[in-house]
C-alpha atoms as a PDB file:
ATOM      1  CA  MET A   1       0.000   0.000   0.000  1.00  0.00           C
ATOM      2  CA  SER A   2       1.696   3.202  -1.158  1.00  0.00           C
ATOM      3  CA  SER A   3       1.882   6.263   1.038  1.00  0.00           C
ATOM      4  CA  VAL A   4      -0.557   9.101   0.333  1.00  0.00           C
ATOM      5  CA  ALA A   5      -0.717  12.765   1.297  1.00  0.00           C
ATOM      6  CA  LEU A   6      -3.201  13.434   4.094  1.00  0.00           C
ATOM      7  CA  ASP A   7      -5.352  16.437   4.920  1.00  0.00           C
ATOM      8  CA  SER A   8      -5.566  18.097   8.339  1.00  0.00           C
ATOM      9  CA  HIS A   9      -8.090  15.495   9.547  1.00  0.00           C
ATOM     10  CA  GLY A  10      -5.998  12.508   8.497  1.00  0.00           C
ATOM     11  CA  PHE A  11      -7.927  11.689   5.317  1.00  0.00           C
ATOM     12  CA  PRO A  12      -6.196  11.152   1.981  1.00  0.00           C
ATOM     13  CA  GLN A  13      -6.146  14.270  -0.160  1.00  0.00           C
ATOM     14  CA  GLY A  14      -8.756  13.806  -2.847  1.00  0.00           C
ATOM     15  CA  SER A  15     -12.207  12.293  -2.537  1.00  0.00           C
ATOM     16  CA  GLY A  16     -13.803   8.942  -1.931  1.00  0.00           C
ATOM     17  CA  ILE A  17     -15.657   6.871   0.641  1.00  0.00           C
ATOM     18  CA  PHE A  18     -14.525   5.642   4.027  1.00  0.00           C
ATOM     19  CA  GLU A  19     -15.431   3.373   6.904  1.00  0.00           C
ATOM     20  CA  THR A  20     -14.520   4.015  10.534  1.00  0.00           C
ATOM     21  CA  ILE A  21     -14.432   0.849  12.626  1.00  0.00           C
ATOM     22  CA  LYS A  22     -13.875   0.452  16.356  1.00  0.00           C
ATOM     23  CA  THR A  23     -11.417  -2.245  17.397  1.00  0.00           C
ATOM     24  CA  VAL A  24     -10.904  -4.005  20.725  1.00  0.00           C
ATOM     25  CA  ASN A  25      -7.539  -5.749  21.151  1.00  0.00           C
ATOM     26  CA  GLY A  26      -7.110  -5.683  17.380  1.00  0.00           C
ATOM     27  CA  ALA A  27     -10.531  -7.183  16.627  1.00  0.00           C
ATOM     28  CA  PRO A  28     -12.953  -4.943  14.688  1.00  0.00           C
ATOM     29  CA  ILE A  29     -16.631  -4.542  15.501  1.00  0.00           C
ATOM     30  CA  ALA A  30     -19.201  -5.303  12.760  1.00  0.00           C
ATOM     31  CA  LEU A  31     -16.520  -5.564  10.071  1.00  0.00           C
ATOM     32  CA  GLY A  32     -18.796  -7.419   7.654  1.00  0.00           C
ATOM     33  CA  ARG A  33     -21.490  -4.739   7.858  1.00  0.00           C
ATOM     34  CA  HIS A  34     -18.944  -1.992   7.257  1.00  0.00           C
ATOM     35  CA  MET A  35     -17.482  -3.700   4.223  1.00  0.00           C
ATOM     36  CA  ARG A  36     -20.913  -4.390   2.721  1.00  0.00           C
ATOM     37  CA  ARG A  37     -21.800  -0.703   3.078  1.00  0.00           C
ATOM     38  CA  ALA A  38     -18.504   0.324   1.488  1.00  0.00           C
ATOM     39  CA  LEU A  39     -19.037  -2.088  -1.405  1.00  0.00           C
ATOM     40  CA  GLU A  40     -22.571  -0.820  -2.038  1.00  0.00           C
ATOM     41  CA  SER A  41     -21.349   2.795  -2.079  1.00  0.00           C
ATOM     42  CA  ALA A  42     -18.377   1.934  -4.298  1.00  0.00           C
ATOM     43  CA  LEU A  43     -20.593   0.199  -6.842  1.00  0.00           C
ATOM     44  CA  GLU A  44     -23.016   3.135  -6.930  1.00  0.00           C
ATOM     45  CA  LEU A  45     -20.258   5.752  -7.174  1.00  0.00           C
ATOM     46  CA  GLY A  46     -18.089   3.902  -9.684  1.00  0.00           C
ATOM     47  CA  ILE A  47     -15.179   3.327  -7.303  1.00  0.00           C
ATOM     48  CA  SER A  48     -13.127   0.173  -7.764  1.00  0.00           C
ATOM     49  CA  ILE A  49     -11.992  -1.440  -4.522  1.00  0.00           C
ATOM     50  CA  PRO A  50      -9.293  -4.085  -4.035  1.00  0.00           C
ATOM     51  CA  SER A  51     -10.082  -7.742  -3.563  1.00  0.00           C
ATOM     52  CA  GLU A  52     -11.409  -8.978  -0.230  1.00  0.00           C
ATOM     53  CA  ASP A  53      -8.224 -10.996   0.355  1.00  0.00           C
ATOM     54  CA  PHE A  54      -5.975  -7.993  -0.255  1.00  0.00           C
ATOM     55  CA  ILE A  55      -8.033  -5.735   2.017  1.00  0.00           C
ATOM     56  CA  ARG A  56      -7.987  -8.361   4.765  1.00  0.00           C
ATOM     57  CA  GLU A  57      -4.212  -8.796   4.445  1.00  0.00           C
ATOM     58  CA  GLU A  58      -3.699  -5.044   4.710  1.00  0.00           C
ATOM     59  CA  MET A  59      -5.973  -4.847   7.750  1.00  0.00           C
ATOM     60  CA  ILE A  60      -4.005  -7.580   9.479  1.00  0.00           C
ATOM     61  CA  ARG A  61      -0.724  -5.823   8.660  1.00  0.00           C
ATOM     62  CA  VAL A  62      -1.868  -2.379   9.837  1.00  0.00           C
ATOM     63  CA  LEU A  63      -3.479  -3.727  13.008  1.00  0.00           C
ATOM     64  CA  GLY A  64      -0.325  -5.700  13.782  1.00  0.00           C
ATOM     65  CA  GLU A  65       1.993  -2.747  13.201  1.00  0.00           C
ATOM     66  CA  ASN A  66      -0.171  -0.338  15.223  1.00  0.00           C
ATOM     67  CA  PRO A  67      -1.631  -2.277  18.182  1.00  0.00           C
ATOM     68  CA  HIS A  68      -4.096  -0.576  20.541  1.00  0.00           C
ATOM     69  CA  ASP A  69      -6.337  -1.937  23.292  1.00  0.00           C
ATOM     70  CA  VAL A  70      -9.172   0.168  21.882  1.00  0.00           C
ATOM     71  CA  GLY A  71      -8.638   1.585  18.435  1.00  0.00           C
ATOM     72  CA  ARG A  72     -10.101   3.405  15.456  1.00  0.00           C
ATOM     73  CA  MET A  73      -9.489   1.750  12.119  1.00  0.00           C
ATOM     74  CA  ARG A  74     -10.230   3.955   9.130  1.00  0.00           C
ATOM     75  CA  ILE A  75     -10.389   2.516   5.615  1.00  0.00           C
ATOM     76  CA  CYS A  76     -10.528   4.953   2.685  1.00  0.00           C
ATOM     77  CA  PHE A  77     -11.349   4.081  -0.920  1.00  0.00           C
ATOM     78  CA  GLY A  78     -11.123   6.399  -3.914  1.00  0.00           C
ATOM     79  CA  LYS A  79     -10.705   5.986  -7.649  1.00  0.00           C
ATOM     80  CA  VAL A  80      -6.929   5.987  -7.145  1.00  0.00           C
ATOM     81  CA  ILE A  81      -6.883   5.698  -3.318  1.00  0.00           C
ATOM     82  CA  PHE A  82      -6.721   2.838  -0.853  1.00  0.00           C
ATOM     83  CA  HIS A  83      -5.583   3.794   2.638  1.00  0.00           C
ATOM     84  CA  ILE A  84      -5.918   2.123   6.061  1.00  0.00           C
ATOM     85  CA  THR A  85      -4.937   3.581   9.445  1.00  0.00           C
ATOM     86  CA  HIS A  86      -5.312   2.325  13.006  1.00  0.00           C
ATOM     87  CA  ASP A  87      -5.095   4.807  15.868  1.00  0.00           C
ATOM     88  CA  SER A  88      -5.827   4.722  19.581  1.00  0.00           C
ATOM     89  CA  TYR A  89      -9.388   5.614  20.538  1.00  0.00           C
ATOM     90  CA  VAL A  90     -10.338   7.095  23.921  1.00  0.00           C
ATOM     91  CA  GLU A  91     -13.704   5.833  25.144  1.00  0.00           C
ATOM     92  CA  LEU A  92     -16.359   8.501  25.774  1.00  0.00           C
ATOM     93  CA  THR A  93     -17.499   8.480  29.382  1.00  0.00           C
ATOM     94  CA  GLU A  94     -19.863  11.451  29.711  1.00  0.00           C
ATOM     95  CA  PRO A  95     -23.332  11.861  28.197  1.00  0.00           C
ATOM     96  CA  ALA A  96     -23.653  14.077  25.150  1.00  0.00           C
ATOM     97  CA  ARG A  97     -24.985  17.613  25.128  1.00  0.00           C
ATOM     98  CA  LEU A  98     -26.574  18.571  21.801  1.00  0.00           C
ATOM     99  CA  ASN A  99     -27.874  21.800  20.351  1.00  0.00           C
ATOM    100  CA  PHE A 100     -29.830  22.456  17.157  1.00  0.00           C
ATOM    101  CA  TYR A 101     -28.056  23.429  13.973  1.00  0.00           C
ATOM    102  CA  THR A 102     -30.067  26.345  12.648  1.00  0.00           C
ATOM    103  CA  GLN A 103     -29.938  25.518   8.923  1.00  0.00           C
ATOM    104  CA  THR A 104     -31.212  22.623   6.848  1.00  0.00           C
ATOM    105  CA  VAL A 105     -28.507  20.055   6.098  1.00  0.00           C
ATOM    106  CA  ILE A 106     -28.816  17.773   3.083  1.00  0.00           C
ATOM    107  CA  GLY A 107     -28.244  14.190   4.163  1.00  0.00           C
ATOM    108  CA  GLU A 108     -25.546  11.975   2.653  1.00  0.00           C
ATOM    109  CA  VAL A 109     -26.281   8.312   1.968  1.00  0.00           C
ATOM    110  CA  HIS A 110     -22.614   7.563   1.292  1.00  0.00           C
ATOM    111  CA  LYS A 111     -19.864   8.066   3.861  1.00  0.00           C
ATOM    112  CA  ARG A 112     -17.607  10.362   1.850  1.00  0.00           C
ATOM    113  CA  PHE A 113     -14.430  12.280   2.377  1.00  0.00           C
ATOM    114  CA  PRO A 114     -13.320  15.086   2.504  1.00  0.00           C
ATOM    115  CA  TYR A 115     -15.255  15.350   5.767  1.00  0.00           C
ATOM    116  CA  ASP A 116     -14.504  19.006   6.492  1.00  0.00           C
ATOM    117  CA  PHE A 117     -18.125  20.187   6.571  1.00  0.00           C
ATOM    118  CA  ARG A 118     -19.097  17.650   9.223  1.00  0.00           C
ATOM    119  CA  PHE A 119     -16.043  18.472  11.329  1.00  0.00           C
ATOM    120  CA  GLY A 120     -17.028  22.130  10.984  1.00  0.00           C
ATOM    121  CA  LEU A 121     -20.440  21.353  12.488  1.00  0.00           C
ATOM    122  CA  ILE A 122     -18.699  19.738  15.463  1.00  0.00           C
ATOM    123  CA  ASP A 123     -16.422  22.746  15.925  1.00  0.00           C
ATOM    124  CA  ALA A 124     -19.400  25.125  15.832  1.00  0.00           C
ATOM    125  CA  ALA A 125     -21.246  23.057  18.453  1.00  0.00           C
ATOM    126  CA  ASN A 126     -18.128  22.913  20.642  1.00  0.00           C
ATOM    127  CA  ASP A 127     -17.829  26.698  20.465  1.00  0.00           C
ATOM    128  CA  GLU A 128     -21.281  26.922  22.068  1.00  0.00           C
ATOM    129  CA  GLY A 129     -20.483  24.368  24.775  1.00  0.00           C
ATOM    130  CA  TYR A 130     -22.077  21.326  23.110  1.00  0.00           C
ATOM    131  CA  HIS A 131     -20.673  18.079  21.761  1.00  0.00           C
ATOM    132  CA  ASP A 132     -22.652  17.994  18.505  1.00  0.00           C
ATOM    133  CA  SER A 133     -25.788  19.343  16.817  1.00  0.00           C
ATOM    134  CA  VAL A 134     -29.163  17.851  15.929  1.00  0.00           C
ATOM    135  CA  LEU A 135     -29.744  18.284  12.185  1.00  0.00           C
ATOM    136  CA  PHE A 136     -33.013  18.470  10.252  1.00  0.00           C
ATOM    137  CA  ASN A 137     -34.152  18.368   6.635  1.00  0.00           C
ATOM    138  CA  GLU A 138     -36.316  20.643   4.475  1.00  0.00           C
ATOM    139  CA  LYS A 139     -39.466  18.976   5.891  1.00  0.00           C
ATOM    140  CA  ASN A 140     -38.338  19.848   9.432  1.00  0.00           C
ATOM    141  CA  GLU A 141     -37.748  16.171  10.137  1.00  0.00           C
ATOM    142  CA  ILE A 142     -34.941  15.243  12.513  1.00  0.00           C
ATOM    143  CA  THR A 143     -32.187  13.430  10.652  1.00  0.00           C
ATOM    144  CA  GLU A 144     -28.901  12.847  12.527  1.00  0.00           C
ATOM    145  CA  THR A 145     -26.000  14.738  14.073  1.00  0.00           C
ATOM    146  CA  ALA A 146     -22.768  15.686  12.326  1.00  0.00           C
ATOM    147  CA  VAL A 147     -21.234  12.278  13.025  1.00  0.00           C
ATOM    148  CA  SER A 148     -23.913  10.005  14.523  1.00  0.00           C
ATOM    149  CA  ASN A 149     -27.372   8.611  14.047  1.00  0.00           C
ATOM    150  CA  LEU A 150     -29.987   9.434  16.664  1.00  0.00           C
ATOM    151  CA  ILE A 151     -32.347   7.216  18.658  1.00  0.00           C
ATOM    152  CA  PHE A 152     -35.057   8.818  20.801  1.00  0.00           C
ATOM    153  CA  LEU A 153     -37.530   7.499  23.359  1.00  0.00           C
ATOM    154  CA  ILE A 154     -40.880   9.100  22.490  1.00  0.00           C
ATOM    155  CA  GLY A 155     -44.167   7.955  23.984  1.00  0.00           C
ATOM    156  CA  GLY A 156     -42.496   4.906  25.494  1.00  0.00           C
ATOM    157  CA  GLU A 157     -41.068   3.722  22.147  1.00  0.00           C
ATOM    158  CA  TRP A 158     -37.487   3.904  20.885  1.00  0.00           C
ATOM    159  CA  VAL A 159     -37.474   5.413  17.389  1.00  0.00           C
ATOM    160  CA  THR A 160     -34.944   6.487  14.780  1.00  0.00           C
ATOM    161  CA  SER A 161     -35.328   8.434  11.553  1.00  0.00           C
ATOM    162  CA  PRO A 162     -35.699   6.574   8.232  1.00  0.00           C
ATOM    163  CA  ILE A 163     -32.979   6.688   5.605  1.00  0.00           C
ATOM    164  CA  SER A 164     -35.486   8.500   3.369  1.00  0.00           C
ATOM    165  CA  SER A 165     -35.326  11.502   5.718  1.00  0.00           C
ATOM    166  CA  GLY A 166     -31.716  11.997   4.628  1.00  0.00           C
ATOM    167  CA  ILE A 167     -29.413  10.104   6.967  1.00  0.00           C
ATOM    168  CA  LEU A 168     -26.347   7.962   6.669  1.00  0.00           C
ATOM    169  CA  PRO A 169     -27.368   4.288   6.970  1.00  0.00           C
ATOM    170  CA  GLY A 170     -25.276   3.758  10.083  1.00  0.00           C
ATOM    171  CA  VAL A 171     -23.986   0.334  11.036  1.00  0.00           C
ATOM    172  CA  ILE A 172     -24.879   0.614  14.726  1.00  0.00           C
ATOM    173  CA  ARG A 173     -28.270   2.122  13.860  1.00  0.00           C
ATOM    174  CA  ALA A 174     -28.956  -0.962  11.716  1.00  0.00           C
ATOM    175  CA  ILE A 175     -28.020  -3.249  14.596  1.00  0.00           C
ATOM    176  CA  ALA A 176     -30.346  -1.327  16.925  1.00  0.00           C
ATOM    177  CA  VAL A 177     -33.216  -1.611  14.448  1.00  0.00           C
ATOM    178  CA  GLU A 178     -32.669  -5.258  13.522  1.00  0.00           C
ATOM    179  CA  ASN A 179     -31.767  -6.650  16.932  1.00  0.00           C
ATOM    180  CA  CYS A 180     -32.858  -4.252  19.669  1.00  0.00           C
ATOM    181  CA  GLY A 181     -36.451  -3.297  18.884  1.00  0.00           C
ATOM    182  CA  VAL A 182     -35.845   0.278  17.716  1.00  0.00           C
ATOM    183  CA  LYS A 183     -38.602   1.426  15.346  1.00  0.00           C
ATOM    184  CA  VAL A 184     -38.082   3.478  12.179  1.00  0.00           C
ATOM    185  CA  ARG A 185     -40.327   6.467  11.473  1.00  0.00           C
ATOM    186  CA  PRO A 186     -40.048  10.167  10.610  1.00  0.00           C
ATOM    187  CA  ILE A 187     -39.451  12.392  13.642  1.00  0.00           C
ATOM    188  CA  HIS A 188     -40.663  15.984  13.288  1.00  0.00           C
ATOM    189  CA  VAL A 189     -38.860  18.793  15.091  1.00  0.00           C
ATOM    190  CA  SER A 190     -42.135  19.554  16.884  1.00  0.00           C
ATOM    191  CA  GLU A 191     -41.725  16.236  18.732  1.00  0.00           C
ATOM    192  CA  ILE A 192     -38.496  17.260  20.459  1.00  0.00           C
ATOM    193  CA  PRO A 193     -40.333  18.419  23.634  1.00  0.00           C
ATOM    194  CA  GLU A 194     -41.754  14.863  23.855  1.00  0.00           C
ATOM    195  CA  VAL A 195     -38.328  13.184  23.797  1.00  0.00           C
ATOM    196  CA  GLU A 196     -37.796  11.376  27.105  1.00  0.00           C
ATOM    197  CA  SER A 197     -34.337   9.891  26.483  1.00  0.00           C
ATOM    198  CA  GLY A 198     -31.911   9.585  23.620  1.00  0.00           C
ATOM    199  CA  PHE A 199     -28.697   8.160  22.201  1.00  0.00           C
ATOM    200  CA  MET A 200     -26.089   9.100  19.673  1.00  0.00           C
ATOM    201  CA  VAL A 201     -25.101   5.862  17.942  1.00  0.00           C
ATOM    202  CA  SER A 202     -22.027   5.437  15.779  1.00  0.00           C
ATOM    203  CA  SER A 203     -19.289   2.943  15.108  1.00  0.00           C
ATOM    204  CA  LEU A 204     -16.901   4.448  17.668  1.00  0.00           C
ATOM    205  CA  ARG A 205     -19.204   5.609  20.453  1.00  0.00           C
ATOM    206  CA  ILE A 206     -21.555   2.611  19.938  1.00  0.00           C
ATOM    207  CA  ALA A 207     -24.346   4.091  22.113  1.00  0.00           C
ATOM    208  CA  GLN A 208     -23.728   7.372  23.933  1.00  0.00           C
ATOM    209  CA  PRO A 209     -26.609   8.622  26.104  1.00  0.00           C
ATOM    210  CA  ILE A 210     -27.783  12.191  25.524  1.00  0.00           C
ATOM    211  CA  SER A 211     -28.149  14.350  28.621  1.00  0.00           C
ATOM    212  CA  HIS A 212     -29.398  17.573  27.009  1.00  0.00           C
ATOM    213  CA  ILE A 213     -30.845  18.946  23.795  1.00  0.00           C
ATOM    214  CA  GLY A 214     -30.298  22.652  24.205  1.00  0.00           C
ATOM    215  CA  ASP A 215     -31.548  23.487  27.675  1.00  0.00           C
ATOM    216  CA  MET A 216     -33.894  20.475  27.778  1.00  0.00           C
ATOM    217  CA  LYS A 217     -32.623  17.747  30.091  1.00  0.00           C
ATOM    218  CA  LEU A 218     -33.225  14.145  29.059  1.00  0.00           C
ATOM    219  CA  LYS A 219     -33.596  11.177  31.376  1.00  0.00           C
ATOM    220  CA  ILE A 220     -30.898   8.520  31.562  1.00  0.00           C
ATOM    221  CA  GLY A 221     -32.738   5.812  33.434  1.00  0.00           C
ATOM    222  CA  ASP A 222     -33.603   2.131  33.304  1.00  0.00           C
ATOM    223  CA  ALA A 223     -34.945   2.247  29.730  1.00  0.00           C
ATOM    224  CA  SER A 224     -31.714   3.831  28.517  1.00  0.00           C
ATOM    225  CA  ARG A 225     -29.531   1.352  30.364  1.00  0.00           C
ATOM    226  CA  VAL A 226     -31.466  -1.608  28.937  1.00  0.00           C
ATOM    227  CA  LEU A 227     -31.192  -0.368  25.340  1.00  0.00           C
ATOM    228  CA  GLU A 228     -27.511   0.475  25.704  1.00  0.00           C
ATOM    229  CA  GLU A 229     -26.778  -3.012  27.058  1.00  0.00           C
ATOM    230  CA  GLN A 230     -28.699  -4.580  24.157  1.00  0.00           C
ATOM    231  CA  ILE A 231     -26.844  -2.565  21.535  1.00  0.00           C
ATOM    232  CA  ARG A 232     -23.438  -3.249  23.068  1.00  0.00           C
ATOM    233  CA  ALA A 233     -24.227  -6.955  23.406  1.00  0.00           C
ATOM    234  CA  ASN A 234     -24.819  -7.055  19.657  1.00  0.00           C
ATOM    235  CA  CYS A 235     -21.527  -5.252  18.885  1.00  0.00           C
ATOM    236  CA  LYS A 236     -18.973  -7.883  19.797  1.00  0.00           C
ATOM    237  CA  PRO A 237     -15.539  -7.594  18.112  1.00  0.00           C
ATOM    238  CA  VAL A 238     -14.505 -10.380  15.748  1.00  0.00           C
ATOM    239  CA  SER A 239     -11.164 -11.510  14.358  1.00  0.00           C
ATOM    240  CA  VAL A 240     -10.103 -10.184  10.956  1.00  0.00           C
ATOM    241  CA  GLY A 241      -8.818 -13.525   9.805  1.00  0.00           C
END
């Protein structure tokens, strides 16, 4: 794998798709799901990706050369790009505080780089004392945050926005829907006052409870603990080869 020039966020200079995968003692979580998503995006976008055997060999090499107890493996594919990194990842221990981003954001079905716009949303939220922002579409439907899917407890039911609302089809979101009883339906911004509890779900954070949306405090109680345990139980790391 040849060396490539990187941007300020560690992505290859140029454009393409990427997958970010959490690892535990060198074993990635939901690797098969990530690679299926990457393949689907590559086929749709006309990006050729290396063979499965070659990718697996490179993963094993990079993981072996850069061992971490808990890590972040990033795999980038472009028309002339193939790049894998493995860095240490620090587990998040505090609940998330979210605000609302004040403008409509068009959702992205494919996980693309450069990722500057999304990082900019994070920086703007941080400047206001929040970890991330709740985004919405032109129909005023809740979509996601800059870097995570959202799951809310509304009326005693855990719900997440549909892909048709304009969200990334997240790997952990899919696990929550398929294995943990989370329902899929549009969520209008007018429903935010009815949100009892919530999670940011992504490949690194897995399931991070939300403590606040703006000034509104959410509950982190038994229902949240049960769902978090279910999601994490379905996110066991597996060997690369």
